[in-house]
C-alpha cells in the first residue's frame, strides 16, 4: 500500500472510529446487565495484527479502555497468532492481564481476511457477578474474590468451549445474566470484524498494517511534540483520602517531563503500602488512570491508542498500594485507582495551571446488594454507582454529581427498582457541598433507599472521603466530606454487612474542591 495522503487517512480513520463506536453501541444494546446497558461500564477497541490498539470507542471508562489497550498483547502472548483460527474468541479476567479485578472480563476476537489474520476486536465489560465475595473490599486474598479465568478460548472455530462454559455457569450466582453479557461481547466482536472487512473491501486493502502503522506513528509523534512544549523538570503531587473502614491512603507522585525525548515519567514512590482490604490496584489499572490524567491536559483531539500512550511511563514500587502483588485482594480496586489522577494533576498545576482542575470527590460510591425476594428467588444487583462533585476549573464551576475521572453513568433508579426489590426514598443534589472559590466545586448528591425483600439482605458498600475532603486549589475552599448512614447512624465497613428487612440507607457523596480565591 502506498503512503497515505492526509485526506485518505482522515477518511479511513473516520471509518475505524465508526467501527469501534458501532461495536460499543451493539454491546450496550444487547447486554443483559444495567451496569453495561444503562451506565456504559465498558470499553471496545480495534487492534492491529501486532495487538496494538489503533482506535477506541468514545463510550467507556479510562480504567477499562487503557487497560484493554495493554491486555490484547498479553492475551496473544499466551495464545499466539499461529494458534488462532476464524471463529476463535479469547477470554480472561486475570486482574494482572485485564482491568484489575475479576468482574471485568476481556474478550479478544481475531479478525481474518481471506484466511489471513489482519487484526483483533476487543472488549471489556463489568459483569454482574463472578461468584466469590462480591464487589466489596472484605475478601482477605484474591482467591476469596471469585472465579479466576486464565487466558483461554471461549469459542474455538465458532464452537463454544463447553468445559469452560460449564465452569463459569457453576461458579456464578446469576449465570443467565453472565452468559447474556458474554454473548453481547461475542456478537459485538464479530460485528466489528465484519465492519473492518467491509472497509477493506471499499478501499481495496488486503490488511490494515500500513494504515495502523501510519495512525499509531503519527499519534506518538504528535504526543511527544505536545510534551516537548511543556516546561521540562521534575514536579511533585500528593493526595490523601479515607476508604471503607477508615483506613487513610496517601498517593504521592514524582512527575518528570523530559523535553528531549518527549516523555513523561510518573513515579509513585512514597505512596501507601499494600492494604489488607480489597482496594489494592494492579499496575495495569494504575497505568490506565495515570495516562488518562496526562492525556486530559494534552491535545484532546489526538487519538487514544498505542502511539499516544507510549510516551507516558509509569513506575511503582513493589510494596505499594498501586502495584498489587499476588495474592492481594483487588475487587474494590477502583476505590484507590480513581484517585490516581489527583496527585498527577497537583504536580501538573505547577506546569499548566490553566488546564487542570481541583480535586474532585474521588471514586464513585459503589453499591451491590444480594439477597432473596419475597418469592425466595436469589438476586444480585448490578453494581450501581453514585458520584460526588467534580473539582472546579479555571473558568468554570465543577460539575455536580459528576465523577472525574470515570465515565460511568448512574443506573436510573427506575431501572433498579424494576430489576431488584429496592425502593429509593430520595435522590437529590446536596446543595452547598462543593468548595467555595472564584469558581465553586461541584455539589455531591443525596441518595436514600430501603429494600422490599421482607427479610435480611446483604450490602456491599464502598464509600470514600467520609472524613477527608477534596482540596480546593489556588486559595479555594475544600469540598464537604461525605456521609453514609444506616438508620440515621454513621457506618463505614470494608466488609459485606448483613442488613435487616426494614433498614434504611442514606448516602451523601462528597463535594468537589473550588478553584481560586473568591
Protein backbone atom coordinates (compact mmCIF):
# COMPACT_ATOMS: atom_id res chain seq x y z
CA UNK A 1 0.00 0.00 0.00
CA UNK A 2 1.40 3.41 -0.97
CA UNK A 3 1.89 6.09 1.67
CA UNK A 4 -1.48 7.59 2.56
CA UNK A 5 -2.18 11.24 1.94
CA UNK A 6 -3.97 13.29 4.57
CA UNK A 7 -7.43 13.01 3.01
CA UNK A 8 -7.28 9.24 2.60
CA UNK A 9 -6.02 8.84 6.14
CA UNK A 10 -8.80 11.03 7.57
CA UNK A 11 -11.48 9.08 5.69
CA UNK A 12 -10.18 5.70 6.83
CA UNK A 13 -9.68 6.97 10.37
CA UNK A 14 -13.32 8.05 10.40
CA UNK A 15 -14.23 4.54 9.25
CA UNK A 16 -12.27 2.99 12.12
CA UNK A 17 -13.92 5.23 14.71
CA UNK A 18 -17.31 4.26 13.26
CA UNK A 19 -16.41 0.56 13.60
CA UNK A 20 -15.44 0.73 17.29
CA UNK A 21 -18.35 3.05 18.12
CA UNK A 22 -20.82 0.73 16.44
CA UNK A 23 -19.22 -2.16 18.28
CA UNK A 24 -19.79 -0.35 21.60
CA UNK A 25 -23.38 0.55 20.74
CA UNK A 26 -24.14 -3.04 19.75
CA UNK A 27 -22.68 -4.23 23.04
CA UNK A 28 -24.85 -1.82 25.02
CA UNK A 29 -27.99 -2.72 23.08
CA UNK A 30 -27.56 -6.47 23.53
CA UNK A 31 -26.20 -6.59 27.11
CA UNK A 32 -28.38 -8.00 29.88
CA UNK A 33 -26.95 -6.03 32.81
CA UNK A 34 -27.98 -2.43 33.58
CA UNK A 35 -24.37 -1.59 34.52
CA UNK A 36 -23.46 -2.12 30.85
CA UNK A 37 -26.72 -1.21 29.15
CA UNK A 38 -27.53 1.92 31.15
CA UNK A 39 -24.26 3.02 32.77
CA UNK A 40 -21.85 2.27 29.91
CA UNK A 41 -19.33 0.42 32.10
CA UNK A 42 -17.45 -0.97 29.10
CA UNK A 43 -14.66 -0.49 26.57
CA UNK A 44 -14.22 -1.56 22.95
CA UNK A 45 -11.13 -1.27 20.82
CA UNK A 46 -9.72 -2.17 17.41
CA UNK A 47 -6.22 -3.67 17.28
CA UNK A 48 -3.76 -4.36 14.51
CA UNK A 49 -2.13 -7.74 13.84
CA UNK A 50 0.51 -6.98 16.49
CA UNK A 51 -2.22 -6.38 19.11
CA UNK A 52 -1.54 -2.64 19.27
CA UNK A 53 -4.69 -0.60 19.92
CA UNK A 54 -5.38 1.59 16.88
CA UNK A 55 -8.77 3.05 17.82
CA UNK A 56 -11.19 3.04 20.74
CA UNK A 57 -14.86 3.89 21.06
CA UNK A 58 -15.78 7.17 22.74
CA UNK A 59 -18.09 5.22 25.08
CA UNK A 60 -16.43 3.68 28.12
CA UNK A 61 -14.20 4.32 31.11
CA UNK A 62 -10.45 5.08 31.16
CA UNK A 63 -9.89 2.19 33.57
CA UNK A 64 -11.31 -0.22 31.01
CA UNK A 65 -10.11 1.40 27.79
CA UNK A 66 -6.47 1.91 28.67
CA UNK A 67 -6.28 -1.47 30.42
CA UNK A 68 -7.75 -3.10 27.32
CA UNK A 69 -5.03 -1.42 25.26
CA UNK A 70 -2.42 -3.43 27.17
CA UNK A 71 -4.49 -6.61 27.63
CA UNK A 72 -4.58 -7.60 23.96
CA UNK A 73 -0.82 -8.04 23.83
CA UNK A 74 -0.88 -10.21 26.96
CA UNK A 75 -3.57 -12.48 25.52
CA UNK A 76 -1.69 -13.26 22.32
CA UNK A 77 1.48 -14.00 24.29
CA UNK A 78 -0.40 -16.86 25.95
CA UNK A 79 -2.26 -17.99 22.82
CA UNK A 80 -0.07 -16.87 19.90
CA UNK A 81 -1.41 -15.86 16.47
CA UNK A 82 -0.35 -19.14 14.84
CA UNK A 83 -2.78 -20.92 17.20
CA UNK A 84 -5.76 -18.80 16.16
CA UNK A 85 -8.45 -19.66 13.61
CA UNK A 86 -11.61 -17.98 12.26
CA UNK A 87 -14.35 -18.27 14.88
CA UNK A 88 -11.98 -18.23 17.87
CA UNK A 89 -12.69 -15.89 20.79
CA UNK A 90 -10.17 -15.41 23.61
CA UNK A 91 -11.21 -14.64 27.18
CA UNK A 92 -9.67 -13.72 30.53
CA UNK A 93 -10.47 -11.84 33.72
CA UNK A 94 -6.97 -12.18 35.16
CA UNK A 95 -6.60 -8.91 37.12
CA UNK A 96 -2.92 -8.51 36.18
CA UNK A 97 -3.68 -9.00 32.49
CA UNK A 98 -7.06 -7.33 32.15
CA UNK A 99 -8.70 -4.48 34.08
CA UNK A 100 -7.74 -5.13 37.67
CA UNK A 101 -10.45 -7.34 39.17
CA UNK A 102 -12.44 -10.49 38.38
CA UNK A 103 -15.66 -8.69 37.46
CA UNK A 104 -14.09 -7.16 34.34
CA UNK A 105 -13.97 -9.82 31.65
CA UNK A 106 -11.99 -9.14 28.48
CA UNK A 107 -12.75 -10.81 25.15
CA UNK A 108 -10.50 -10.62 22.10
CA UNK A 109 -11.81 -11.69 18.69
CA UNK A 110 -9.27 -12.38 15.91
CA UNK A 111 -10.24 -10.85 12.54
CA UNK A 112 -9.41 -12.84 9.43
CA UNK A 113 -9.42 -11.76 5.78
CA UNK A 114 -9.05 -14.47 3.14
CA UNK A 115 -7.93 -16.81 5.94
CA UNK A 116 -5.17 -14.39 7.00
CA UNK A 117 -5.15 -12.69 10.41
CA UNK A 118 -5.38 -8.90 9.99
CA UNK A 119 -6.28 -7.65 13.48
CA UNK A 120 -8.48 -8.03 16.56
CA UNK A 121 -11.63 -6.59 18.11
CA UNK A 122 -11.53 -6.35 21.89
CA UNK A 123 -14.00 -5.52 24.64
CA UNK A 124 -14.02 -5.33 28.42
CA UNK A 125 -17.18 -5.02 30.49
CA UNK A 126 -18.11 -5.19 34.15
CA UNK A 127 -20.17 -8.33 34.79
CA UNK A 128 -22.88 -8.51 37.44
CA UNK A 129 -21.39 -11.43 39.35
CA UNK A 130 -18.34 -13.65 39.20
CA UNK A 131 -19.00 -15.75 42.30
CA UNK A 132 -16.95 -15.38 45.46
CA UNK A 133 -17.20 -12.40 47.79
CA UNK A 134 -18.73 -9.76 45.53
CA UNK A 135 -17.72 -6.20 44.68
CA UNK A 136 -16.84 -5.20 48.25
CA UNK A 137 -13.44 -4.87 49.88
CA UNK A 138 -13.83 -7.56 52.54
CA UNK A 139 -12.01 -10.55 50.99
CA UNK A 140 -8.70 -11.49 52.61
CA UNK A 141 -6.96 -12.61 49.42
CA UNK A 142 -7.73 -12.80 45.73
CA UNK A 143 -8.90 -16.41 45.89
CA UNK A 144 -11.88 -15.39 48.01
CA UNK A 145 -12.97 -12.85 45.42
CA UNK A 146 -14.45 -15.09 42.73
CA UNK A 147 -13.77 -17.18 39.65
CA UNK A 148 -10.35 -16.63 38.04
CA UNK A 149 -10.47 -17.24 34.28
CA UNK A 150 -6.99 -17.65 32.78
CA UNK A 151 -6.38 -16.83 29.12
CA UNK A 152 -8.41 -19.42 27.21
CA UNK A 153 -10.58 -19.82 24.14
CA UNK A 154 -14.23 -19.17 24.95
CA UNK A 155 -15.04 -20.26 21.39
CA UNK A 156 -12.91 -22.47 19.16
CA UNK A 157 -13.55 -22.23 15.41
CA UNK A 158 -17.06 -20.98 16.15
CA UNK A 159 -17.92 -23.71 18.68
CA UNK A 160 -18.32 -22.96 22.41
CA UNK A 161 -15.75 -24.33 24.82
CA UNK A 162 -18.27 -26.42 26.75
CA UNK A 163 -15.88 -27.18 29.62
CA UNK A 164 -15.20 -23.51 30.27
CA UNK A 165 -18.90 -22.63 29.85
CA UNK A 166 -19.81 -25.25 32.48
CA UNK A 167 -17.16 -24.00 34.91
CA UNK A 168 -18.43 -20.42 34.63
CA UNK A 169 -22.08 -21.47 34.95
CA UNK A 170 -21.40 -23.44 38.15
CA UNK A 171 -19.39 -20.67 39.83
CA UNK A 172 -21.68 -17.64 39.50
CA UNK A 173 -24.95 -16.74 41.15
CA UNK A 174 -26.69 -15.36 38.05
CA UNK A 175 -25.48 -17.45 35.08
CA UNK A 176 -28.15 -16.24 32.66
CA UNK A 177 -27.03 -12.62 33.08
CA UNK A 178 -23.35 -13.54 32.77
CA UNK A 179 -23.84 -15.52 29.58
CA UNK A 180 -26.16 -12.88 28.18
CA UNK A 181 -23.42 -10.29 28.62
CA UNK A 182 -20.73 -12.62 27.26
CA UNK A 183 -22.93 -13.23 24.21
CA UNK A 184 -23.18 -9.46 23.75
CA UNK A 185 -19.37 -9.21 23.79
CA UNK A 186 -19.02 -12.08 21.31
CA UNK A 187 -21.61 -10.53 18.99
CA UNK A 188 -20.04 -7.08 19.09
CA UNK A 189 -16.62 -8.54 18.30
CA UNK A 190 -17.99 -10.48 15.36
CA UNK A 191 -19.75 -7.35 14.08
CA UNK A 192 -16.52 -5.33 14.40
CA UNK A 193 -14.65 -7.89 12.31
CA UNK A 194 -17.32 -7.79 9.62
CA UNK A 195 -17.20 -4.00 9.50
CA UNK A 196 -13.40 -3.97 9.22
CA UNK A 197 -13.52 -6.42 6.30
CA UNK A 198 -16.17 -4.25 4.64
CA UNK A 199 -13.86 -1.22 4.99
CA UNK A 200 -11.01 -3.19 3.40
CA UNK A 201 -13.34 -4.12 0.51
CA UNK A 202 -14.22 -0.46 -0.05
CA UNK A 203 -10.63 0.71 -0.24
CA UNK A 204 -9.02 -2.36 -1.80
CA UNK A 205 -6.94 -3.25 1.26
CA UNK A 206 -5.58 -6.74 1.91
CA UNK A 207 -4.80 -5.82 5.51
CA UNK A 208 -4.54 -2.77 7.78
CA UNK A 209 -0.81 -3.00 8.50
CA UNK A 210 0.22 0.23 6.74
CA UNK A 211 -2.88 2.08 7.93
CA UNK A 212 -2.36 1.14 11.58
CA UNK A 213 1.35 1.98 11.41
CA UNK A 214 0.56 5.43 9.99
CA UNK A 215 -2.08 6.17 12.64
CA UNK A 216 -0.01 4.91 15.56
CA UNK A 217 3.25 6.59 14.49
CA UNK A 218 1.52 9.92 13.85
CA UNK A 219 -0.24 9.71 17.24
CA UNK A 220 3.03 9.01 19.04
CA UNK A 221 4.90 11.80 17.24
CA UNK A 222 2.15 14.33 17.98
CA UNK A 223 2.04 13.34 21.65
CA UNK A 224 5.81 13.67 22.01
CA UNK A 225 5.66 17.08 20.33
CA UNK A 226 2.98 18.19 22.82
CA UNK A 227 5.13 17.03 25.74
CA UNK A 228 8.12 18.95 24.37
CA UNK A 229 6.07 22.16 24.61
CA UNK A 230 5.82 21.75 28.40
CA UNK A 231 8.44 23.14 30.80
CA UNK A 232 10.96 20.37 31.47
CA UNK A 233 11.74 19.33 35.02
CA UNK A 234 10.51 17.29 37.98
CA UNK A 235 7.33 18.15 39.88
CA UNK A 236 5.58 16.59 42.87
CA UNK A 237 1.98 15.98 43.91
CA UNK A 238 0.24 14.30 46.82
CA UNK A 239 -3.29 13.41 47.88
CA UNK A 240 -4.81 11.77 50.97
CA UNK A 241 -8.22 10.16 51.37
CA UNK A 242 -10.01 7.70 53.64
CA UNK A 243 -11.55 4.45 52.42
CA UNK A 244 -14.05 1.92 53.89
CA UNK A 245 -13.13 1.01 57.44
CA UNK A 246 -11.46 4.41 57.97
CA UNK A 247 -8.06 3.49 56.50
CA UNK A 248 -6.15 6.58 55.34
CA UNK A 249 -4.43 6.26 51.96
CA UNK A 250 -1.68 8.52 50.62
CA UNK A 251 -0.70 8.70 46.94
CA UNK A 252 2.49 10.56 46.03
CA UNK A 253 3.83 11.25 42.55
CA UNK A 254 7.10 12.50 41.17
CA UNK A 255 6.41 13.64 37.62
CA UNK A 256 9.36 14.19 35.30
CA UNK A 257 8.98 15.90 31.92
CA UNK A 258 11.80 15.02 29.52
CA UNK A 259 11.60 17.54 26.68
CA UNK A 260 14.45 15.90 24.77
CA UNK A 261 12.69 12.54 24.43
CA UNK A 262 9.17 13.94 24.61
CA UNK A 263 8.34 11.64 27.53
CA UNK A 264 6.63 11.95 30.90
CA UNK A 265 7.60 9.59 33.73
CA UNK A 266 5.38 9.24 36.80
CA UNK A 267 6.89 7.61 39.89
CA UNK A 268 4.60 6.61 42.80
CA UNK A 269 7.43 6.08 45.32
CA UNK A 270 6.35 7.16 48.82
CA UNK A 271 2.72 6.14 48.37
CA UNK A 272 0.92 3.95 50.91
CA UNK A 273 1.83 0.29 51.13
CA UNK A 274 -0.49 -2.64 50.36
CA UNK A 275 -3.84 -2.83 52.14
CA UNK A 276 -5.38 -5.85 53.83
CA UNK A 277 -8.69 -4.81 52.26
CA UNK A 278 -9.55 -5.45 48.63
CA UNK A 279 -8.65 -1.94 47.48
CA UNK A 280 -5.21 -2.77 46.05
CA UNK A 281 -4.59 -1.67 42.46
CA UNK A 282 -2.73 -3.66 39.80
CA UNK A 283 -0.25 -1.72 37.66
CA UNK A 284 -2.39 -2.01 34.50
CA UNK A 285 -5.20 -0.06 36.21
CA UNK A 286 -2.74 2.44 37.70
CA UNK A 287 -1.25 2.94 34.26
CA UNK A 288 -4.74 3.39 32.77
CA UNK A 289 -5.73 6.28 35.05
CA UNK A 290 -2.24 7.82 35.05
CA UNK A 291 -2.16 8.01 31.26
CA UNK A 292 -5.71 9.38 31.25
CA UNK A 293 -4.66 12.23 33.55
CA UNK A 294 -1.79 13.17 31.23
CA UNK A 295 -3.89 12.79 28.09
CA UNK A 296 -6.51 15.09 29.70
CA UNK A 297 -4.13 18.05 29.60
CA UNK A 298 -2.54 17.36 26.20
CA UNK A 299 -4.25 17.83 22.82
CA UNK A 300 -7.74 16.31 23.32
CA UNK A 301 -8.16 15.73 19.59
CA UNK A 302 -5.30 13.23 19.42
CA UNK A 303 -6.40 9.58 19.11
CA UNK A 304 -6.08 7.50 22.27
CA UNK A 305 -4.11 4.48 21.06
CA UNK A 306 -0.84 2.60 21.43
CA UNK A 307 1.06 5.53 19.91
CA UNK A 308 -0.26 8.31 22.14
CA UNK A 309 0.10 6.16 25.28
CA UNK A 310 3.71 5.12 24.56
CA UNK A 311 5.47 8.34 25.75
CA UNK A 312 3.92 8.07 29.25
CA UNK A 313 5.94 5.85 31.58
CA UNK A 314 4.74 4.64 35.00
CA UNK A 315 6.96 3.49 37.87
CA UNK A 316 5.58 1.84 41.01
CA UNK A 317 7.48 0.39 44.00
CA UNK A 318 6.82 -3.27 44.69
CA UNK A 319 5.40 -2.66 48.17
CA UNK A 320 2.81 -0.11 47.08
CA UNK A 321 -0.98 0.03 47.05
CA UNK A 322 -0.96 0.89 43.34
CA UNK A 323 1.23 -2.10 42.44
CA UNK A 324 -0.75 -5.03 43.84
CA UNK A 325 1.19 -8.27 44.17
CA UNK A 326 -0.33 -11.74 44.16
CA UNK A 327 -2.33 -12.78 46.20
CA UNK A 328 -3.52 -9.31 47.29
CA UNK A 329 -7.31 -8.77 47.22
CA UNK A 330 -8.26 -6.32 44.46
CA UNK A 331 -12.03 -6.48 43.89
CA UNK A 332 -12.63 -2.86 45.00
CA UNK A 333 -9.52 -1.55 43.22
CA UNK A 334 -11.42 1.44 41.78
CA UNK A 335 -11.69 2.97 45.28
CA UNK A 336 -7.99 3.83 45.13
CA UNK A 337 -7.50 3.69 41.35
CA UNK A 338 -9.87 6.58 40.66
CA UNK A 339 -7.79 8.82 42.95
CA UNK A 340 -4.63 8.20 40.88
CA UNK A 341 -5.12 11.30 38.65
CA UNK A 342 -5.26 13.76 41.57
CA UNK A 343 -1.60 13.80 42.68
CA UNK A 344 -0.65 13.87 38.99
CA UNK A 345 -2.86 16.92 38.41
CA UNK A 346 -1.39 18.60 41.50
CA UNK A 347 2.08 18.15 40.01
CA UNK A 348 0.84 19.47 36.67
CA UNK A 349 -0.69 22.51 38.42
CA UNK A 350 2.90 23.78 38.68
CA UNK A 351 3.32 23.33 34.92
CA UNK A 352 -0.02 24.12 33.22
CA UNK A 353 -2.27 25.69 35.90
CA UNK A 354 -4.80 26.80 33.30
CA UNK A 355 -5.52 23.23 32.20
CA UNK A 356 -6.04 21.39 35.46
CA UNK A 357 -8.98 21.13 37.83
CA UNK A 358 -9.22 20.98 41.61
CA UNK A 359 -9.61 17.69 43.44
CA UNK A 360 -12.96 16.04 42.99
CA UNK A 361 -14.91 13.73 45.26
CA UNK A 362 -12.81 10.76 44.18
CA UNK A 363 -14.07 7.28 43.40
CA UNK A 364 -17.70 6.64 42.62
CA UNK A 365 -19.55 5.14 45.56
CA UNK A 366 -20.23 1.56 44.58
CA UNK A 367 -23.18 -0.36 45.97
CA UNK A 368 -24.03 -4.03 45.45
CA UNK A 369 -26.94 -5.80 47.07
CA UNK A 370 -27.57 -9.52 47.39
CA UNK A 371 -30.49 -11.43 48.83
CA UNK A 372 -33.74 -13.19 48.08
CA UNK A 373 -37.01 -11.58 47.09
CA UNK A 374 -40.35 -12.32 48.72
CA UNK A 375 -40.77 -15.38 46.48
CA UNK A 376 -37.40 -16.75 47.62
CA UNK A 377 -35.66 -16.14 44.30
CA UNK A 378 -32.00 -15.09 44.74
CA UNK A 379 -30.83 -11.80 43.22
CA UNK A 380 -27.56 -9.93 42.89
CA UNK A 381 -27.90 -6.31 41.90
CA UNK A 382 -25.85 -4.84 39.15
CA UNK A 383 -23.22 -2.66 40.74
CA UNK A 384 -24.63 0.84 40.84
CA UNK A 385 -22.51 3.93 41.26
CA UNK A 386 -23.05 7.39 42.64
CA UNK A 387 -20.71 10.30 42.01
CA UNK A 388 -19.87 13.26 44.16
CA UNK A 389 -18.91 16.70 42.92
CA UNK A 390 -16.21 17.36 40.35
CA UNK A 391 -13.43 19.86 41.08
CA UNK A 392 -13.78 23.40 39.73
CA UNK A 393 -11.78 24.61 36.73
CA UNK A 394 -10.06 27.90 35.94
CA UNK A 395 -13.10 29.47 34.27
CA UNK A 396 -15.94 27.13 35.21
CA UNK A 397 -17.59 25.70 38.30
CA UNK A 398 -17.22 22.00 38.99
CA UNK A 399 -19.96 19.74 37.66
CA UNK A 400 -22.31 18.41 40.33
CA UNK A 401 -22.87 14.67 40.81
CA UNK A 402 -20.23 14.01 38.16
CA UNK A 403 -17.12 11.98 38.80
CA UNK A 404 -13.74 12.71 37.31
CA UNK A 405 -12.05 10.51 36.12
CA UNK A 406 -14.52 7.73 35.35
CA UNK A 407 -17.04 7.82 32.52
CA UNK A 408 -19.58 5.53 34.20
CA UNK A 409 -23.10 6.90 34.46
CA UNK A 410 -25.53 6.12 37.27
CA UNK A 411 -28.09 3.45 36.51
CA UNK A 412 -31.50 5.19 36.67
CA UNK A 413 -33.43 4.49 39.87
CA UNK A 414 -36.42 3.39 37.80
CA UNK A 415 -34.33 0.66 36.17
CA UNK A 416 -33.02 -0.53 39.52
CA UNK A 417 -36.47 -0.58 41.10
CA UNK A 418 -37.71 -2.66 38.17
CA UNK A 419 -34.85 -5.16 38.31
CA UNK A 420 -34.37 -5.77 42.06
CA UNK A 421 -36.62 -5.37 45.14
CA UNK A 422 -35.44 -1.88 46.10
CA UNK A 423 -37.25 1.40 46.81
CA UNK A 424 -35.49 4.77 46.64
CA UNK A 425 -36.60 7.28 49.23
CA UNK A 426 -34.69 10.25 47.78
CA UNK A 427 -32.22 11.23 45.07
CA UNK A 428 -31.29 14.91 45.00
CA UNK A 429 -28.33 17.28 44.87
CA UNK A 430 -26.68 18.04 48.22
CA UNK A 431 -26.56 21.79 47.60
CA UNK A 432 -23.64 23.74 49.03
CA UNK A 433 -21.29 20.77 49.46
CA UNK A 434 -18.89 22.00 46.77
CA UNK A 435 -15.91 24.05 47.97
CA UNK A 436 -16.26 27.82 47.67
CA UNK A 437 -13.89 29.81 45.49
CA UNK A 438 -13.71 32.05 42.48
CA UNK A 439 -15.37 29.03 40.90
CA UNK A 440 -17.11 26.62 43.26
CA UNK A 441 -16.59 22.89 43.26
CA UNK A 442 -19.44 20.66 42.15
CA UNK A 443 -22.02 19.52 44.70
CA UNK A 444 -22.47 15.95 45.80
CA UNK A 445 -25.81 14.18 45.91
CA UNK A 446 -28.08 12.58 48.48
CA UNK A 447 -29.49 9.10 47.82
CA UNK A 448 -31.69 7.07 50.16
CA UNK A 449 -33.06 3.56 49.75
CA UNK A 450 -34.55 0.57 51.51
CA UNK A 451 -35.31 -2.98 50.40
CA UNK A 452 -38.71 -4.63 49.97
CA UNK A 453 -37.48 -8.21 50.47
CA UNK A 454 -39.24 -8.67 53.81
CA UNK A 455 -36.13 -10.44 55.11
CA UNK A 456 -32.41 -9.97 55.75
CA UNK A 457 -30.23 -8.82 52.85
CA UNK A 458 -26.51 -8.26 52.22
CA UNK A 459 -24.91 -4.91 51.48
CA UNK A 460 -21.54 -4.30 49.87
CA UNK A 461 -20.97 -0.55 50.08
CA UNK A 462 -17.68 1.16 49.24
CA UNK A 463 -17.85 4.86 50.14
CA UNK A 464 -14.75 7.03 50.48
CA UNK A 465 -13.95 10.55 51.70
CA UNK A 466 -16.15 10.22 54.78
CA UNK A 467 -13.51 12.15 56.77
CA UNK A 468 -11.10 13.69 54.29
CA UNK A 469 -12.17 16.43 51.88
CA UNK A 470 -11.47 17.21 48.25
CA UNK A 471 -8.88 20.00 48.36
CA UNK A 472 -9.53 23.35 46.78
CA UNK A 473 -6.74 24.83 44.70
CA UNK A 474 -5.11 28.27 44.47
CA UNK A 475 -6.75 29.51 47.67
CA UNK A 476 -10.23 28.00 47.26
CA UNK A 477 -12.08 26.03 49.95
CA UNK A 478 -12.31 22.26 50.19
CA UNK A 479 -15.44 20.32 49.31
CA UNK A 480 -17.55 18.76 52.06
CA UNK A 481 -16.84 15.19 53.20
CA UNK A 482 -19.43 12.51 52.51
CA UNK A 483 -21.86 10.73 54.83
CA UNK A 484 -23.01 7.11 54.89
CA UNK A 485 -25.85 6.49 57.31
CA UNK A 486 -27.76 3.34 58.24
CA UNK A 487 -30.95 4.13 60.15
CA UNK A 488 -29.52 7.60 60.77
CA UNK A 489 -26.20 6.42 62.26
CA UNK A 490 -22.76 6.71 60.57
CA UNK A 491 -21.41 3.48 59.11
CA UNK A 492 -18.22 2.58 57.24
CA UNK A 493 -17.38 -1.08 56.78
CA UNK A 494 -14.81 -2.64 54.48
CA UNK A 495 -16.76 -5.90 54.54
CA UNK A 496 -20.13 -7.25 53.48
CA UNK A 497 -22.82 -6.36 56.03
CA UNK A 498 -25.99 -8.26 56.97
CA UNK A 499 -28.90 -5.81 56.88
CA UNK A 500 -32.35 -6.16 58.43
CA UNK A 501 -35.53 -6.07 56.39
CA UNK A 502 -36.56 -2.55 57.44
CA UNK A 503 -33.11 -0.89 57.42
CA UNK A 504 -32.86 2.46 55.62
CA UNK A 505 -29.65 3.66 53.96
CA UNK A 506 -28.87 7.34 53.29
CA UNK A 507 -25.76 8.39 51.37
CA UNK A 508 -24.40 11.87 50.76
CA UNK A 509 -21.48 11.88 48.35
CA UNK A 510 -18.62 14.39 48.82
CA UNK A 511 -18.37 17.79 47.14
CA UNK A 512 -15.54 18.87 44.83
CA UNK A 513 -12.86 21.41 45.66
CA UNK A 514 -13.07 25.03 44.50
CA UNK A 515 -10.66 26.91 42.17
CA UNK A 516 -9.09 30.25 43.12
CA UNK A 517 -9.81 32.77 45.86
CA UNK A 518 -13.36 34.07 45.89
